[in-house]
Protein backbone atom coordinates (compact mmCIF):
# COMPACT_ATOMS: atom_id res chain seq x y z
CA MET A 1 43.05 -23.23 69.27
CA ALA A 2 42.39 -26.42 67.41
CA ASP A 3 38.63 -26.09 68.49
CA LEU A 4 38.65 -22.33 67.42
CA ARG A 5 40.06 -23.28 64.00
CA SER A 6 37.40 -25.98 63.48
CA GLU A 7 34.52 -23.58 64.47
CA GLU A 8 36.02 -20.92 61.94
CA GLU A 9 36.29 -23.63 59.39
CA GLN A 10 32.66 -24.60 59.70
CA VAL A 11 31.54 -21.04 59.62
CA ASP A 12 33.53 -20.61 56.49
CA ALA A 13 32.03 -23.65 55.09
CA LEU A 14 28.73 -22.39 55.91
CA LYS A 15 29.43 -19.01 54.04
CA ARG A 16 30.55 -20.94 50.96
CA TRP A 17 27.56 -23.06 51.10
CA TRP A 18 25.45 -19.98 51.52
CA LYS A 19 26.93 -18.25 48.94
CA GLU A 20 26.58 -21.13 46.35
CA ASN A 21 23.02 -22.08 47.47
CA GLY A 22 21.32 -19.17 49.08
CA VAL A 23 19.68 -17.89 46.10
CA SER A 24 18.25 -20.93 45.14
CA LEU A 25 16.93 -21.86 48.57
CA ILE A 26 15.09 -18.51 48.81
CA ALA A 27 13.72 -18.90 45.43
CA GLY A 28 12.44 -22.61 46.29
CA VAL A 29 11.00 -21.19 49.62
CA ALA A 30 9.31 -18.47 47.66
CA ILE A 31 7.92 -20.75 44.94
CA ALA A 32 6.60 -23.05 47.68
CA ALA A 33 5.06 -20.05 49.61
CA ALA A 34 3.48 -18.86 46.31
CA GLY A 35 2.10 -22.36 45.76
CA VAL A 36 0.53 -22.46 48.99
CA PHE A 37 -0.94 -19.13 48.75
CA GLY A 38 -2.26 -19.77 45.02
CA TRP A 39 -3.89 -23.04 46.14
CA ASN A 40 -5.68 -21.08 49.18
CA ALA A 41 -6.62 -18.34 46.84
CA TRP A 42 -8.08 -20.80 44.21
CA GLN A 43 -9.88 -22.70 47.09
CA SER A 44 -11.50 -19.42 48.34
CA TYR A 45 -12.45 -18.47 44.73
CA GLN A 46 -14.08 -21.94 44.15
CA GLU A 47 -15.85 -21.38 47.54
CA ASN A 48 -17.00 -17.88 46.67
CA GLN A 49 -18.28 -19.15 43.29
CA ALA A 50 -20.25 -21.78 44.98
CA SER A 51 -21.79 -19.61 47.20
CA ALA A 52 -22.78 -17.01 44.57
CA ALA A 53 -24.04 -19.96 42.31
CA SER A 54 -26.21 -21.09 45.35
CA ALA A 55 -27.47 -17.73 46.35
CA ARG A 56 -28.43 -17.17 42.76
CA TYR A 57 -29.99 -20.48 42.31
CA GLN A 58 -32.09 -19.78 45.70
CA GLN A 59 -33.30 -16.64 44.21
CA LEU A 60 -34.30 -18.21 41.29
CA ILE A 61 -36.25 -21.04 43.15
CA ASN A 62 -37.91 -18.15 45.21
CA LEU A 63 -38.93 -16.36 42.06
CA THR A 64 -40.42 -19.37 40.35
CA ALA A 65 -42.37 -20.99 43.66
CA GLY A 66 -45.83 -19.95 42.48
CA THR A 67 -48.04 -21.92 40.56
CA GLN A 68 -48.69 -19.11 38.00
CA LEU A 69 -46.17 -16.51 37.18
CA ASP A 70 -46.80 -13.26 35.58
CA ASN A 71 -45.01 -12.48 32.40
CA ALA A 72 -42.70 -9.76 34.42
CA THR A 73 -41.68 -12.28 36.64
CA ALA A 74 -41.18 -15.17 34.35
CA GLY A 75 -38.92 -13.01 32.14
CA GLU A 76 -36.92 -11.87 35.34
CA ALA A 77 -36.47 -15.54 36.15
CA ARG A 78 -35.43 -16.52 32.68
CA GLU A 79 -32.83 -13.71 32.66
CA LEU A 80 -31.50 -15.13 35.97
CA VAL A 81 -31.10 -18.57 34.35
CA ILE A 82 -29.08 -16.99 31.82
CA GLU A 83 -26.81 -15.40 34.38
CA ILE A 84 -26.34 -18.47 36.40
CA ILE A 85 -25.49 -20.68 33.23
CA ASP A 86 -23.00 -17.84 31.86
CA ASN A 87 -21.34 -17.39 35.44
CA HIS A 88 -21.61 -20.88 36.69
CA GLY A 89 -22.08 -22.96 33.68
CA LYS A 90 -20.18 -26.25 34.62
CA THR A 91 -22.26 -26.41 38.08
CA LEU A 92 -25.03 -28.46 39.22
CA TYR A 93 -27.07 -25.13 39.67
CA ALA A 94 -26.68 -24.58 35.91
CA ASP A 95 -27.88 -27.99 35.02
CA LEU A 96 -31.05 -27.31 37.65
CA ALA A 97 -31.44 -23.92 36.23
CA ARG A 98 -31.89 -25.25 32.63
CA LEU A 99 -34.50 -27.55 34.00
CA ILE A 100 -36.36 -24.68 35.60
CA ASP A 101 -36.16 -22.70 32.39
CA ALA A 102 -37.75 -25.59 30.43
CA ARG A 103 -40.86 -25.18 32.71
CA LEU A 104 -40.86 -21.61 32.25
CA ALA A 105 -40.90 -21.75 28.56
CA VAL A 106 -43.64 -24.24 28.56
CA ALA A 107 -45.62 -21.73 30.63
CA GLN A 108 -44.87 -18.99 28.23
CA GLY A 109 -45.99 -21.18 25.13
CA ASP A 110 -42.46 -21.90 23.98
CA PRO A 111 -42.31 -25.47 23.53
CA SER A 112 -39.16 -25.30 21.23
CA GLY A 113 -37.23 -23.32 23.88
CA ALA A 114 -38.00 -25.89 26.50
CA ARG A 115 -36.91 -28.62 24.17
CA VAL A 116 -33.49 -26.76 23.81
CA ALA A 117 -33.21 -26.21 27.59
CA LEU A 118 -33.53 -29.98 28.05
CA GLU A 119 -31.69 -31.11 25.38
CA THR A 120 -28.73 -29.18 26.44
CA VAL A 121 -28.84 -30.81 30.08
CA ILE A 122 -29.04 -34.06 28.30
CA ASP A 123 -26.11 -33.25 26.02
CA ALA A 124 -23.85 -31.24 28.27
CA SER A 125 -24.28 -32.40 32.17
CA GLY A 126 -22.06 -34.91 33.49
CA ARG A 127 -24.60 -35.90 35.96
CA ASP A 128 -26.68 -39.12 35.12
CA TYR A 129 -29.77 -38.42 37.48
CA VAL A 130 -30.02 -34.64 36.33
CA LYS A 131 -29.81 -36.10 32.67
CA GLY A 132 -32.28 -38.63 33.49
CA LEU A 133 -34.87 -36.02 34.88
CA ALA A 134 -34.32 -34.00 31.69
CA ARG A 135 -35.01 -37.00 29.55
CA LEU A 136 -38.34 -37.74 31.81
CA ARG A 137 -39.59 -33.95 31.15
CA LEU A 138 -38.37 -34.11 27.49
CA ALA A 139 -40.52 -37.29 27.10
CA ARG A 140 -43.45 -35.63 28.81
CA LEU A 141 -43.28 -32.75 26.33
CA GLN A 142 -43.22 -35.16 23.49
CA VAL A 143 -46.32 -36.62 24.41
CA ALA A 144 -48.05 -33.20 25.06
CA ASP A 145 -46.62 -32.18 21.57
CA GLY A 146 -48.38 -35.29 19.98
CA ASP A 147 -45.21 -37.25 19.51
CA ALA A 148 -45.58 -40.02 21.87
CA GLU A 149 -43.38 -42.33 19.55
CA ALA A 150 -40.44 -40.08 20.02
CA ALA A 151 -41.28 -39.95 23.91
CA LEU A 152 -41.12 -43.85 24.00
CA ALA A 153 -37.59 -43.37 22.13
CA THR A 154 -36.35 -40.84 24.82
CA LEU A 155 -37.36 -43.22 27.40
CA ASP A 156 -35.57 -46.02 26.28
CA THR A 157 -32.07 -44.69 27.37
CA GLY A 158 -30.01 -42.86 30.09
CA ILE A 159 -32.67 -43.03 32.65
CA PRO A 160 -31.19 -44.36 35.91
CA ASP A 161 -33.07 -46.97 38.09
CA ALA A 162 -33.67 -44.42 40.82
CA LEU A 163 -36.30 -42.95 38.05
CA ALA A 164 -37.64 -46.17 37.02
CA ALA A 165 -41.05 -45.42 38.43
CA GLN A 166 -41.55 -42.07 36.96
CA ARG A 167 -40.12 -43.75 33.71
CA ALA A 168 -43.05 -46.20 33.72
CA ASP A 169 -45.63 -43.64 34.26
CA VAL A 170 -44.69 -41.42 31.49
CA ARG A 171 -44.39 -44.71 29.24
CA GLY A 172 -47.94 -45.30 30.13
CA ASP A 173 -48.58 -41.72 29.15
CA ALA A 174 -47.03 -42.37 25.81
CA HIS A 175 -48.94 -45.46 25.19
CA HIS A 176 -52.18 -44.04 26.11
CA ALA A 177 -51.62 -41.02 23.64
CA LEU A 178 -51.12 -43.89 21.12
CA ASP A 179 -54.53 -45.57 22.15
CA ARG A 180 -52.68 -48.67 23.44
CA GLU A 181 -54.80 -49.04 26.70
CA SER A 182 -53.27 -52.48 27.79
CA GLU A 183 -49.72 -51.08 27.44
CA ALA A 184 -50.79 -48.12 29.22
CA GLY A 185 -52.29 -50.08 31.96
CA GLU A 186 -49.32 -52.17 32.14
CA ALA A 187 -46.93 -49.49 32.47
CA TRP A 188 -48.90 -47.60 35.03
CA ARG A 189 -49.27 -50.55 37.36
CA GLU A 190 -45.42 -51.17 36.99
CA ALA A 191 -45.20 -47.33 37.99
CA LEU A 192 -47.16 -47.94 41.18
CA ASP A 193 -45.40 -51.12 41.92
CA LEU A 194 -42.02 -49.65 41.87
CA ALA A 195 -43.07 -46.58 43.63
CA GLU A 196 -44.65 -48.82 46.37
CA ALA A 197 -41.53 -50.87 46.48
CA ARG A 198 -39.31 -47.97 46.96
CA ASN A 199 -41.50 -46.06 49.06
CA GLN A 200 -41.75 -43.05 46.69
CA PRO A 201 -44.97 -41.18 46.23
CA LEU A 202 -46.04 -41.04 42.64
CA PHE A 203 -49.09 -38.94 42.48
CA GLY A 204 -52.07 -39.33 39.61
CA VAL A 205 -51.23 -42.79 38.66
CA GLN A 206 -53.99 -44.42 40.46
CA LEU A 207 -56.42 -42.02 38.80
CA LYS A 208 -55.12 -42.88 35.45
CA LEU A 209 -55.74 -46.54 36.08
CA ASP A 210 -59.16 -45.98 37.22
CA ASN A 211 -60.03 -43.68 34.36
CA LEU A 212 -58.64 -46.51 32.01
CA GLY A 213 -61.06 -49.01 33.71
CA LEU A 214 -58.50 -51.83 33.81
CA TYR A 215 -56.69 -51.72 37.05
CA ASP A 216 -59.89 -52.10 39.45
CA SER A 217 -61.46 -54.96 37.40
CA GLY A 218 -59.30 -57.63 38.73
CA LEU A 219 -57.55 -58.17 35.15
CA ASP A 220 -54.02 -59.64 35.51
CA ASN A 221 -51.33 -58.99 33.19
CA GLN A 222 -52.31 -61.93 30.94
CA GLU A 223 -55.71 -60.66 30.63
CA LEU A 224 -54.45 -57.11 29.67
CA ASP A 225 -52.30 -58.48 26.73
CA SER A 226 -55.06 -60.53 25.24
């Protein structure tokens, strides 16, 4: 009998505890379950967004793969750029789409549009390498527009070491545009040395040096400065 009363007391105590705490326990479980569900749903949404951005960017790559684009294709590509930026503006794909948009703008005779696209990447991207690419392309555009001094200023900041060879190449272009042949030669030689040290292909630089007539003449850097 004592054991029975003890069990009945335990049951009564459990009932009282459930009455006092059952609602909050159920609520806690529900909140925890909702949190897990919400996190999984968010992860799934993020994965779907990433997949969609990747697919649209690949479509953009396919559209712009040719060396020459007709106006209709270029227009379609630029519309796709806008879609990627609007729907996936914080992603790497949006940054890369803007870089492509700058190239398309140049091809369509819209250098101001190209500048805007590149400056947006420089100002808004959180990715140093991509910002460096944008600065390189902006500097090339500035050289082509006859603003070589501005190009040199652009090259002085925010370009990572991984792009040092390309930076030296464009710096040589800027100096050459300013008729500074010795500085151009030094920059292009530096570009070749960096590219060789890092096993990076850098096309066209040797031809620039050959055309300059300084690299093959055996002149060292001191002679180039004289």
